[in-house]
Amino acid sequence: MARNTSALKRGWSYDITNSRMDCYVDAVKMFYLDATNTLINLDGIYLRLNDSDYLYFGDASDISITWDTAKLAILPVADATGYVAIGNGTNDMDVWVTMGTAANYIRFDHAKAYLSLVNTQLYAPNLQTSGTTAGLIYVNANGYLIQGD
C-alpha cells in the first residue's frame, strides 16, 4: 500500500512493503513504528515525560530514570548494581557542570585527563587538616582544599 504524504495531513498509515506504521501530526512532523528494524522514530516531535513518569531500561526494568519536580533520579532496581558510564575509553566526551553561572563550573576533560574547578572550590570537611602549606595542596581548618605557594 503506497502512501501519498503530500495529501496526508494527519492520521495513521500502514506501509506493508516496509512493515511500518506511520502517524502524521502534519505534513512534516511524524513518528513511525518500524517492525523490520525494531525502531520507533520521532521526526520533528518531542518525547515528553511528565513529573514522576519513569523511563525504564533492561529486561526486568533494571534501572529507572525519573524527574520528581526537584531532582533527576537514576536508580537501579537493586542497591549497588552497575554504574553510569560517560564514554568507554575510546569514544569519550568532556562533562561540564555549571555552578550558578556559566563562568563557574567543574569540568572533566577527557583529552587532558584532568578535573578542573573553574571559579569553584572543593570542600572536604572530613579530611584531616594538613600543617604543611608550601608546594602542595592541603586542607585548611574550614575543610577547603588549598594549593600552597
C-alpha atoms as a PDB file:
ATOM      1  CA  MET A   1       0.000   0.000   0.000  1.00  0.00           C
ATOM      2  CA  ALA A   2       1.697   3.152  -1.164  1.00  0.00           C
ATOM      3  CA  ARG A   3       1.113   6.316   0.802  1.00  0.00           C
ATOM      4  CA  ASN A   4       0.770   9.819  -0.526  1.00  0.00           C
ATOM      5  CA  THR A   5       2.479  12.036   2.065  1.00  0.00           C
ATOM      6  CA  SER A   6       1.703  15.259   0.221  1.00  0.00           C
ATOM      7  CA  ALA A   7      -2.043  14.655   0.556  1.00  0.00           C
ATOM      8  CA  LEU A   8      -1.831  13.188   4.070  1.00  0.00           C
ATOM      9  CA  LYS A   9      -2.036  15.887   6.742  1.00  0.00           C
ATOM     10  CA  ARG A  10      -2.962  13.950   9.891  1.00  0.00           C
ATOM     11  CA  GLY A  11      -3.556  10.351  10.844  1.00  0.00           C
ATOM     12  CA  TRP A  12      -2.174   6.851  10.520  1.00  0.00           C
ATOM     13  CA  SER A  13      -0.984   4.945   7.501  1.00  0.00           C
ATOM     14  CA  TYR A  14       0.417   1.444   7.206  1.00  0.00           C
ATOM     15  CA  ASP A  15       3.142   0.532   4.735  1.00  0.00           C
ATOM     16  CA  ILE A  16       3.074  -3.254   4.212  1.00  0.00           C
ATOM     17  CA  THR A  17       6.155  -3.196   1.986  1.00  0.00           C
ATOM     18  CA  ASN A  18       8.367  -1.700   4.708  1.00  0.00           C
ATOM     19  CA  SER A  19       6.461  -3.058   7.764  1.00  0.00           C
ATOM     20  CA  ARG A  20       5.957   0.461   9.064  1.00  0.00           C
ATOM     21  CA  MET A  21       3.139   2.178  10.892  1.00  0.00           C
ATOM     22  CA  ASP A  22       3.298   5.934  10.346  1.00  0.00           C
ATOM     23  CA  CYS A  23       1.468   8.649  12.262  1.00  0.00           C
ATOM     24  CA  TYR A  24       1.480  12.132  10.781  1.00  0.00           C
ATOM     25  CA  VAL A  25       0.907  15.112  13.044  1.00  0.00           C
ATOM     26  CA  ASP A  26       1.073  17.333   9.968  1.00  0.00           C
ATOM     27  CA  ALA A  27       2.725  17.055   6.537  1.00  0.00           C
ATOM     28  CA  VAL A  28       6.218  17.384   8.061  1.00  0.00           C
ATOM     29  CA  LYS A  29       6.123  16.078  11.637  1.00  0.00           C
ATOM     30  CA  MET A  30       5.594  12.365  12.081  1.00  0.00           C
ATOM     31  CA  PHE A  31       6.562   9.369  14.119  1.00  0.00           C
ATOM     32  CA  TYR A  32       6.665   5.811  12.969  1.00  0.00           C
ATOM     33  CA  LEU A  33       6.962   2.303  14.261  1.00  0.00           C
ATOM     34  CA  ASP A  34       9.308   0.224  12.090  1.00  0.00           C
ATOM     35  CA  ALA A  35       8.856  -3.516  12.700  1.00  0.00           C
ATOM     36  CA  THR A  36      11.641  -4.531  10.311  1.00  0.00           C
ATOM     37  CA  ASN A  37      14.358  -2.565  12.125  1.00  0.00           C
ATOM     38  CA  THR A  38      12.759  -2.669  15.606  1.00  0.00           C
ATOM     39  CA  LEU A  39      12.712   1.110  15.708  1.00  0.00           C
ATOM     40  CA  ILE A  40      10.497   3.909  16.938  1.00  0.00           C
ATOM     41  CA  ASN A  41      11.449   7.138  15.178  1.00  0.00           C
ATOM     42  CA  LEU A  42      10.325  10.620  16.196  1.00  0.00           C
ATOM     43  CA  ASP A  43      10.811  13.053  13.334  1.00  0.00           C
ATOM     44  CA  GLY A  44      10.297  16.660  14.432  1.00  0.00           C
ATOM     45  CA  ILE A  45       8.371  15.531  17.519  1.00  0.00           C
ATOM     46  CA  TYR A  46       9.451  15.791  21.157  1.00  0.00           C
ATOM     47  CA  LEU A  47       9.084  12.985  23.661  1.00  0.00           C
ATOM     48  CA  ARG A  48       7.805  14.350  26.947  1.00  0.00           C
ATOM     49  CA  LEU A  49       7.664  12.530  30.252  1.00  0.00           C
ATOM     50  CA  ASN A  50       5.736  14.402  32.918  1.00  0.00           C
ATOM     51  CA  ASP A  51       6.686  14.746  36.583  1.00  0.00           C
ATOM     52  CA  SER A  52       7.005  11.362  38.284  1.00  0.00           C
ATOM     53  CA  ASP A  53       6.857   9.438  34.965  1.00  0.00           C
ATOM     54  CA  TYR A  54       9.514   6.748  34.554  1.00  0.00           C
ATOM     55  CA  LEU A  55      11.790   5.624  31.764  1.00  0.00           C
ATOM     56  CA  TYR A  56      12.961   2.032  32.307  1.00  0.00           C
ATOM     57  CA  PHE A  57      15.954   0.112  30.902  1.00  0.00           C
ATOM     58  CA  GLY A  58      16.691  -3.623  30.986  1.00  0.00           C
ATOM     59  CA  ASP A  59      14.556  -6.721  30.568  1.00  0.00           C
ATOM     60  CA  ALA A  60      13.446  -6.585  34.204  1.00  0.00           C
ATOM     61  CA  SER A  61      13.272  -2.754  34.389  1.00  0.00           C
ATOM     62  CA  ASP A  62      16.740  -2.944  35.945  1.00  0.00           C
ATOM     63  CA  ILE A  63      17.183   0.830  36.052  1.00  0.00           C
ATOM     64  CA  SER A  64      14.769   3.758  36.047  1.00  0.00           C
ATOM     65  CA  ILE A  65      15.078   7.462  35.339  1.00  0.00           C
ATOM     66  CA  THR A  66      12.501   9.878  36.693  1.00  0.00           C
ATOM     67  CA  TRP A  67      12.024  13.582  37.459  1.00  0.00           C
ATOM     68  CA  ASP A  68      10.099  14.417  40.632  1.00  0.00           C
ATOM     69  CA  THR A  69       9.910  18.248  40.185  1.00  0.00           C
ATOM     70  CA  ALA A  70      13.124  18.690  42.189  1.00  0.00           C
ATOM     71  CA  LYS A  71      15.695  16.141  41.018  1.00  0.00           C
ATOM     72  CA  LEU A  72      16.547  13.738  38.228  1.00  0.00           C
ATOM     73  CA  ALA A  73      16.892  10.300  39.817  1.00  0.00           C
ATOM     74  CA  ILE A  74      18.694   7.390  38.142  1.00  0.00           C
ATOM     75  CA  LEU A  75      18.025   4.329  40.266  1.00  0.00           C
ATOM     76  CA  PRO A  76      18.846   0.621  39.902  1.00  0.00           C
ATOM     77  CA  VAL A  77      16.250  -1.957  40.923  1.00  0.00           C
ATOM     78  CA  ALA A  78      18.805  -3.429  43.377  1.00  0.00           C
ATOM     79  CA  ASP A  79      21.246  -1.436  45.517  1.00  0.00           C
ATOM     80  CA  ALA A  80      24.900  -1.240  44.406  1.00  0.00           C
ATOM     81  CA  THR A  81      24.149  -2.631  40.932  1.00  0.00           C
ATOM     82  CA  GLY A  82      26.030  -1.331  37.889  1.00  0.00           C
ATOM     83  CA  TYR A  83      27.277   2.197  37.253  1.00  0.00           C
ATOM     84  CA  VAL A  84      26.707   5.201  34.985  1.00  0.00           C
ATOM     85  CA  ALA A  85      29.390   5.434  32.293  1.00  0.00           C
ATOM     86  CA  ILE A  86      30.090   8.529  30.215  1.00  0.00           C
ATOM     87  CA  GLY A  87      32.368   7.338  27.444  1.00  0.00           C
ATOM     88  CA  ASN A  88      34.097   3.973  27.133  1.00  0.00           C
ATOM     89  CA  GLY A  89      37.807   4.762  26.847  1.00  0.00           C
ATOM     90  CA  THR A  90      37.604   5.069  23.058  1.00  0.00           C
ATOM     91  CA  ASN A  91      34.555   7.275  22.434  1.00  0.00           C
ATOM     92  CA  ASP A  92      34.635   9.842  25.222  1.00  0.00           C
ATOM     93  CA  MET A  93      33.456  13.369  25.906  1.00  0.00           C
ATOM     94  CA  ASP A  94      34.010  16.123  28.426  1.00  0.00           C
ATOM     95  CA  VAL A  95      31.499  16.656  31.217  1.00  0.00           C
ATOM     96  CA  TRP A  96      30.768  20.181  32.423  1.00  0.00           C
ATOM     97  CA  VAL A  97      28.660  21.079  35.453  1.00  0.00           C
ATOM     98  CA  THR A  98      27.884  24.780  35.813  1.00  0.00           C
ATOM     99  CA  MET A  99      27.672  26.228  39.290  1.00  0.00           C
ATOM    100  CA  GLY A 100      25.172  29.108  39.216  1.00  0.00           C
ATOM    101  CA  THR A 101      26.708  30.951  36.248  1.00  0.00           C
ATOM    102  CA  ALA A 102      28.484  29.922  33.047  1.00  0.00           C
ATOM    103  CA  ALA A 103      31.749  31.299  34.488  1.00  0.00           C
ATOM    104  CA  ASN A 104      31.677  28.879  37.459  1.00  0.00           C
ATOM    105  CA  TYR A 105      31.965  25.222  36.534  1.00  0.00           C
ATOM    106  CA  ILE A 106      33.518  21.838  37.123  1.00  0.00           C
ATOM    107  CA  ARG A 107      34.991  20.203  34.037  1.00  0.00           C
ATOM    108  CA  PHE A 108      36.103  16.628  33.489  1.00  0.00           C
ATOM    109  CA  ASP A 109      38.398  16.976  30.464  1.00  0.00           C
ATOM    110  CA  HIS A 110      38.864  13.592  28.808  1.00  0.00           C
ATOM    111  CA  ALA A 111      41.586  14.679  26.330  1.00  0.00           C
ATOM    112  CA  LYS A 112      43.832  16.110  29.053  1.00  0.00           C
ATOM    113  CA  ALA A 113      42.700  13.558  31.664  1.00  0.00           C
ATOM    114  CA  TYR A 114      42.067  16.095  34.378  1.00  0.00           C
ATOM    115  CA  LEU A 115      39.393  17.627  36.542  1.00  0.00           C
ATOM    116  CA  SER A 116      39.287  21.412  36.667  1.00  0.00           C
ATOM    117  CA  LEU A 117      37.399  23.589  39.110  1.00  0.00           C
ATOM    118  CA  VAL A 118      36.875  26.963  37.441  1.00  0.00           C
ATOM    119  CA  ASN A 119      35.847  29.689  39.887  1.00  0.00           C
ATOM    120  CA  THR A 120      34.741  26.983  42.335  1.00  0.00           C
ATOM    121  CA  GLN A 121      36.183  25.369  45.442  1.00  0.00           C
ATOM    122  CA  LEU A 122      36.445  21.774  46.563  1.00  0.00           C
ATOM    123  CA  TYR A 123      35.112  21.297  50.080  1.00  0.00           C
ATOM    124  CA  ALA A 124      36.308  18.265  52.065  1.00  0.00           C
ATOM    125  CA  PRO A 125      35.063  18.651  55.660  1.00  0.00           C
ATOM    126  CA  ASN A 126      36.080  15.189  56.896  1.00  0.00           C
ATOM    127  CA  LEU A 127      39.721  15.278  55.815  1.00  0.00           C
ATOM    128  CA  GLN A 128      42.395  15.905  58.397  1.00  0.00           C
ATOM    129  CA  THR A 129      43.935  19.380  58.386  1.00  0.00           C
ATOM    130  CA  SER A 130      47.432  19.486  56.935  1.00  0.00           C
ATOM    131  CA  GLY A 131      50.060  21.549  58.730  1.00  0.00           C
ATOM    132  CA  THR A 132      52.334  21.980  55.700  1.00  0.00           C
ATOM    133  CA  THR A 133      51.304  24.539  53.093  1.00  0.00           C
ATOM    134  CA  ALA A 134      54.323  25.062  50.821  1.00  0.00           C
ATOM    135  CA  GLY A 135      54.194  23.462  47.365  1.00  0.00           C
ATOM    136  CA  LEU A 136      51.232  21.138  47.856  1.00  0.00           C
ATOM    137  CA  ILE A 137      47.506  21.023  48.242  1.00  0.00           C
ATOM    138  CA  TYR A 138      46.344  20.944  51.826  1.00  0.00           C
ATOM    139  CA  VAL A 139      43.114  21.080  53.824  1.00  0.00           C
ATOM    140  CA  ASN A 140      42.616  24.205  55.887  1.00  0.00           C
ATOM    141  CA  ALA A 141      40.790  24.329  59.229  1.00  0.00           C
ATOM    142  CA  ASN A 142      37.460  25.019  57.437  1.00  0.00           C
ATOM    143  CA  GLY A 143      37.724  21.888  55.283  1.00  0.00           C
ATOM    144  CA  TYR A 144      38.699  23.563  51.990  1.00  0.00           C
ATOM    145  CA  LEU A 145      41.468  22.221  49.794  1.00  0.00           C
ATOM    146  CA  ILE A 146      44.034  24.961  49.233  1.00  0.00           C
ATOM    147  CA  GLN A 147      47.061  24.994  46.972  1.00  0.00           C
ATOM    148  CA  GLY A 148      50.104  26.303  48.794  1.00  0.00           C
ATOM    149  CA  ASP A 149      52.757  28.547  47.252  1.00  0.00           C
END
